[in-house]
Amino acid sequence: MGIRVTVWGENVHEQKNKVVAGIYPLTMHGTIAKALKEAGIDASTVTLQDAEHGLTPEKLAATDVLIWWGHCAHGDVEDAIVERVCDAVWGGMGIIFLHSAHFSKPFKRLMGAPCNLSWREAGERERLWVTSRQHPIAAGLPDHFELEYEEMYGEPFGVPEPLETVFVSWFAGGEVFRSGLTYKRGAGNIFYFRPGHETYPTYHDANVQRVILNAVNWAYNPNKRIADPNHAPNVPVDKALEPIVERGPRLHHDGEEGYR
């Protein structure tokens, strides 16, 4: 069975902004999914407007890697769905956050940080440098590539120190940004990739499509998903690996749940 990818799209700008609709007649999530399908990936799409935002327990169970793009409707994502997504990541599902998804609820929940940055929307040239040449996400890419039109994101970026920084960006206005970051949360692999402002044709770019495809393959965890990553069992005294004698008072009886 191939890698099963679900591309989650906010699907607001494509419906309300003529510029975005003209650049992405298939929608942004549809464009990303199409490129993945052409590369042999089993890719499907869901949107914010779908029931349960398209992220039912059954859909997440059938998703090896989730790709998330959001911008103007982060607050409309239900908290219960956010927890469901994070549980899936902790259990072993890979996830890729694109561009303004740095402010999405799932990303902020998984990072445990403000995820803030500086920005400017001026159609600047962005030059992305590969900073980890041997990383699988950089496979098949030149040492650097450029996007003629992009939104600027600038440091400092309010995220935890990543496992690896795969790309850094320079912008025509002079700012720099860590634009490709990897993390691990529980059993799940996480990649944040900066480019993708909706009024520019970023997701039609061959190098950007290559990065996303590489990231899918990197984020995929072939191991069986952890059924309940939040499980915190109360181990009875008589089940200890070595014989022990109980000493002192306790709050909980055997088998009783702890406080959360």
Protein backbone atom coordinates (compact mmCIF):
# COMPACT_ATOMS: atom_id res chain seq x y z
CA MET A 1 0.00 0.00 0.00
CA GLY A 2 1.29 3.45 -0.93
CA ILE A 3 1.55 6.47 1.36
CA ARG A 4 -1.90 7.90 2.03
CA VAL A 5 -1.88 11.69 2.17
CA THR A 6 -4.73 13.99 3.14
CA VAL A 7 -4.37 17.64 2.11
CA TRP A 8 -6.39 19.89 4.42
CA GLY A 9 -7.37 23.23 2.94
CA GLU A 10 -9.03 26.17 4.63
CA ASN A 11 -10.74 26.81 1.27
CA VAL A 12 -11.75 30.39 2.02
CA HIS A 13 -9.52 32.60 -0.13
CA GLU A 14 -10.16 30.47 -3.24
CA GLN A 15 -13.90 31.05 -2.84
CA LYS A 16 -13.82 34.76 -1.96
CA ASN A 17 -10.78 36.26 -3.74
CA LYS A 18 -10.72 36.40 -7.55
CA VAL A 19 -6.93 36.67 -7.67
CA VAL A 20 -6.49 33.48 -5.65
CA ALA A 21 -9.20 31.69 -7.63
CA GLY A 22 -7.46 32.67 -10.87
CA ILE A 23 -4.08 31.37 -9.74
CA TYR A 24 -5.53 28.20 -8.24
CA PRO A 25 -8.61 27.15 -10.22
CA LEU A 26 -8.22 23.70 -8.62
CA THR A 27 -7.86 25.38 -5.19
CA MET A 28 -4.56 25.35 -3.34
CA HIS A 29 -5.24 22.03 -1.66
CA GLY A 30 -6.38 20.59 -4.99
CA THR A 31 -3.20 21.81 -6.70
CA ILE A 32 -0.99 20.26 -4.01
CA ALA A 33 -2.91 16.97 -4.15
CA LYS A 34 -2.71 16.87 -7.97
CA ALA A 35 1.08 17.25 -7.90
CA LEU A 36 1.37 14.46 -5.34
CA LYS A 37 -0.90 12.17 -7.35
CA GLU A 38 1.23 12.74 -10.45
CA ALA A 39 4.22 11.61 -8.36
CA GLY A 40 2.43 8.38 -7.41
CA ILE A 41 1.12 9.39 -3.99
CA ASP A 42 -2.40 8.41 -2.87
CA ALA A 43 -3.58 11.95 -2.13
CA SER A 44 -7.06 13.21 -1.23
CA THR A 45 -8.42 16.54 0.01
CA VAL A 46 -10.70 17.75 2.79
CA THR A 47 -11.65 21.27 3.83
CA LEU A 48 -12.66 23.41 6.76
CA GLN A 49 -16.25 23.42 5.48
CA ASP A 50 -16.63 19.62 5.54
CA ALA A 51 -18.36 17.92 8.47
CA GLU A 52 -15.83 17.69 11.32
CA HIS A 53 -13.55 19.67 8.96
CA GLY A 54 -13.15 16.44 7.02
CA LEU A 55 -11.00 15.00 9.82
CA THR A 56 -13.19 12.25 11.20
CA PRO A 57 -11.56 9.50 13.28
CA GLU A 58 -11.92 7.19 10.29
CA LYS A 59 -10.22 9.68 7.92
CA LEU A 60 -7.31 10.27 10.26
CA ALA A 61 -6.89 6.53 10.80
CA ALA A 62 -6.58 6.18 7.02
CA THR A 63 -4.08 9.07 6.72
CA ASP A 64 -0.34 8.45 6.89
CA VAL A 65 0.62 12.10 6.36
CA LEU A 66 -1.60 15.16 6.79
CA ILE A 67 -0.77 18.42 4.98
CA TRP A 68 -2.27 21.59 6.51
CA TRP A 69 -2.79 25.01 4.90
CA GLY A 70 -4.76 27.72 6.70
CA HIS A 71 -4.70 31.49 7.07
CA CYS A 72 -7.79 33.60 7.76
CA ALA A 73 -9.97 31.07 9.62
CA HIS A 74 -7.67 29.49 12.20
CA GLY A 75 -10.18 30.33 14.91
CA ASP A 76 -12.97 28.46 13.12
CA VAL A 77 -11.24 25.12 13.60
CA GLU A 78 -12.98 23.28 16.44
CA ASP A 79 -10.81 22.52 19.45
CA ALA A 80 -12.05 18.92 19.59
CA ILE A 81 -10.75 18.37 16.05
CA VAL A 82 -7.42 19.96 16.99
CA GLU A 83 -7.04 17.46 19.83
CA ARG A 84 -7.97 14.63 17.47
CA VAL A 85 -5.29 15.71 15.00
CA CYS A 86 -2.66 16.04 17.73
CA ASP A 87 -3.55 12.61 19.10
CA ALA A 88 -3.00 11.18 15.61
CA VAL A 89 0.40 12.90 15.38
CA TRP A 90 1.45 11.68 18.83
CA GLY A 91 0.34 8.23 17.72
CA GLY A 92 2.54 8.26 14.61
CA MET A 93 0.81 10.20 11.81
CA GLY A 94 3.14 12.55 9.95
CA ILE A 95 2.08 16.16 9.43
CA ILE A 96 3.31 19.00 7.20
CA PHE A 97 2.38 22.61 7.96
CA LEU A 98 2.58 25.07 5.07
CA HIS A 99 3.13 28.83 5.17
CA SER A 100 0.57 30.62 7.37
CA ALA A 101 -0.29 27.36 9.11
CA HIS A 102 2.36 28.50 11.60
CA PHE A 103 -0.57 30.20 13.38
CA SER A 104 -2.92 27.22 13.05
CA LYS A 105 -4.27 25.65 16.22
CA PRO A 106 -2.67 22.23 15.64
CA PHE A 107 0.78 23.71 14.98
CA LYS A 108 0.68 25.94 18.05
CA ARG A 109 -0.60 23.03 20.16
CA LEU A 110 2.21 20.76 18.98
CA MET A 111 4.88 23.44 19.33
CA GLY A 112 3.67 24.75 22.69
CA ALA A 113 4.84 28.20 21.61
CA PRO A 114 3.51 31.51 20.19
CA CYS A 115 4.84 30.72 16.68
CA ASN A 116 4.99 34.46 15.93
CA LEU A 117 7.09 36.21 13.29
CA SER A 118 7.34 39.44 11.30
CA TRP A 119 5.87 39.69 7.81
CA ARG A 120 5.39 41.91 4.77
CA GLU A 121 3.17 41.36 1.74
CA ALA A 122 5.07 43.00 -1.13
CA GLY A 123 5.69 40.31 -3.75
CA GLU A 124 9.38 40.06 -2.90
CA ARG A 125 11.87 37.63 -4.36
CA GLU A 126 12.61 34.78 -1.95
CA ARG A 127 15.83 32.80 -2.20
CA LEU A 128 15.73 29.49 -0.34
CA TRP A 129 19.06 27.95 0.65
CA VAL A 130 19.49 24.26 1.46
CA THR A 131 21.23 24.13 4.84
CA SER A 132 21.23 20.34 5.24
CA ARG A 133 22.39 18.89 1.93
CA GLN A 134 22.01 15.24 2.87
CA HIS A 135 18.53 15.59 4.37
CA PRO A 136 15.87 13.52 2.56
CA ILE A 137 13.60 16.58 2.27
CA ALA A 138 16.31 18.32 0.20
CA ALA A 139 16.82 15.38 -2.18
CA GLY A 140 16.98 16.37 -5.85
CA LEU A 141 17.16 20.09 -5.13
CA PRO A 142 19.89 22.58 -6.07
CA ASP A 143 21.84 24.32 -3.31
CA HIS A 144 19.37 27.19 -3.63
CA PHE A 145 16.30 28.14 -5.63
CA GLU A 146 14.22 31.29 -5.98
CA LEU A 147 10.57 32.26 -5.93
CA GLU A 148 10.09 35.54 -7.78
CA TYR A 149 7.02 36.60 -5.80
CA GLU A 150 6.40 35.76 -2.15
CA GLU A 151 5.31 37.19 1.16
CA MET A 152 8.16 37.95 3.53
CA TYR A 153 8.44 36.16 6.86
CA GLY A 154 11.19 37.41 9.16
CA GLU A 155 13.02 36.23 12.25
CA PRO A 156 12.73 35.83 15.13
CA PHE A 157 10.37 32.88 14.65
CA GLY A 158 8.72 31.96 17.96
CA VAL A 159 9.05 28.19 17.76
CA PRO A 160 11.08 25.63 19.73
CA GLU A 161 14.53 24.75 18.45
CA PRO A 162 13.96 22.23 15.62
CA LEU A 163 15.61 18.86 15.18
CA GLU A 164 17.04 20.16 11.90
CA THR A 165 16.82 23.28 9.79
CA VAL A 166 16.59 22.12 6.18
CA PHE A 167 16.10 25.53 4.49
CA VAL A 168 16.68 29.18 5.27
CA SER A 169 15.20 32.01 3.21
CA TRP A 170 16.51 35.42 2.22
CA PHE A 171 14.12 38.11 0.98
CA ALA A 172 14.71 41.10 -1.29
CA GLY A 173 14.00 43.43 1.63
CA GLY A 174 16.91 41.93 3.57
CA GLU A 175 15.20 39.68 6.11
CA VAL A 176 16.05 36.00 6.66
CA PHE A 177 13.90 33.17 7.98
CA ARG A 178 14.26 29.52 8.97
CA SER A 179 11.89 28.22 6.32
CA GLY A 180 12.14 24.44 6.60
CA LEU A 181 12.06 22.93 10.11
CA THR A 182 11.68 19.35 11.34
CA TYR A 183 10.27 18.18 14.66
CA LYS A 184 9.19 14.98 16.35
CA ARG A 185 6.24 14.92 18.72
CA GLY A 186 5.45 11.54 20.23
CA ALA A 187 5.75 9.06 17.36
CA GLY A 188 4.87 11.65 14.72
CA ASN A 189 7.21 13.49 12.35
CA ILE A 190 6.49 17.18 11.70
CA PHE A 191 7.76 19.47 8.94
CA TYR A 192 7.09 23.19 8.63
CA PHE A 193 7.67 24.74 5.19
CA ARG A 194 7.39 28.51 4.81
CA PRO A 195 6.50 29.37 1.14
CA GLY A 196 2.90 29.46 -0.04
CA HIS A 197 1.22 32.86 0.09
CA GLU A 198 -2.10 32.51 -1.68
CA THR A 199 -1.84 35.45 -4.11
CA TYR A 200 1.33 34.04 -5.71
CA PRO A 201 1.70 30.82 -7.77
CA THR A 202 4.05 29.14 -5.29
CA TYR A 203 2.45 25.69 -5.34
CA HIS A 204 2.86 25.50 -9.12
CA ASP A 205 6.64 25.74 -8.69
CA ALA A 206 8.49 22.48 -9.43
CA ASN A 207 10.99 22.92 -6.59
CA VAL A 208 8.24 23.61 -4.07
CA GLN A 209 6.36 20.55 -5.28
CA ARG A 210 9.56 18.52 -4.89
CA VAL A 211 9.99 19.72 -1.30
CA ILE A 212 6.43 18.73 -0.41
CA LEU A 213 6.81 15.31 -2.05
CA ASN A 214 10.12 14.73 -0.24
CA ALA A 215 8.54 15.85 3.03
CA VAL A 216 5.69 13.37 2.59
CA ASN A 217 8.15 10.52 2.20
CA TRP A 218 10.19 11.75 5.18
CA ALA A 219 7.18 12.27 7.48
CA TYR A 220 5.69 8.85 6.74
CA ASN A 221 5.96 6.44 9.68
CA PRO A 222 5.41 2.82 8.51
CA ASN A 223 5.00 1.51 12.04
CA LYS A 224 1.61 0.67 13.50
CA ARG A 225 -0.15 3.72 14.96
CA ILE A 226 -0.19 3.98 18.76
CA ALA A 227 -3.86 3.46 19.58
CA ASP A 228 -3.97 5.76 22.61
CA PRO A 229 -0.91 8.00 22.93
CA ASN A 230 -2.42 9.57 26.08
CA HIS A 231 -2.66 6.26 27.96
CA ALA A 232 -1.15 6.65 31.45
CA PRO A 233 -1.80 3.38 33.35
CA ASN A 234 -1.80 3.00 37.13
CA VAL A 235 0.39 -0.09 37.65
CA PRO A 236 -0.68 -2.22 40.68
CA VAL A 237 1.93 -3.14 43.25
CA ASP A 238 1.58 -6.86 42.48
CA LYS A 239 2.36 -6.18 38.80
CA ALA A 240 5.76 -4.60 39.50
CA LEU A 241 8.62 -6.25 37.60
CA GLU A 242 10.47 -6.83 40.88
CA PRO A 243 8.76 -7.77 44.19
CA ILE A 244 8.09 -4.71 46.30
CA VAL A 245 6.26 -4.00 49.56
CA GLU A 246 3.81 -1.12 49.56
CA ARG A 247 4.78 1.60 52.02
CA GLY A 248 2.92 4.70 53.07
CA PRO A 249 -0.54 6.01 52.18
CA ARG A 250 -1.74 6.57 48.62
CA LEU A 251 -4.44 8.58 46.87
CA HIS A 252 -5.58 5.99 44.32
CA HIS A 253 -6.77 2.42 44.44
CA ASP A 254 -5.47 -0.18 41.96
CA GLY A 255 -6.89 0.42 38.49
CA GLU A 256 -8.12 3.91 39.35
CA GLU A 257 -7.38 6.72 36.89
CA GLY A 258 -4.99 9.47 37.94
CA TYR A 259 -5.71 13.19 37.88
CA ARG A 260 -5.46 15.08 34.57
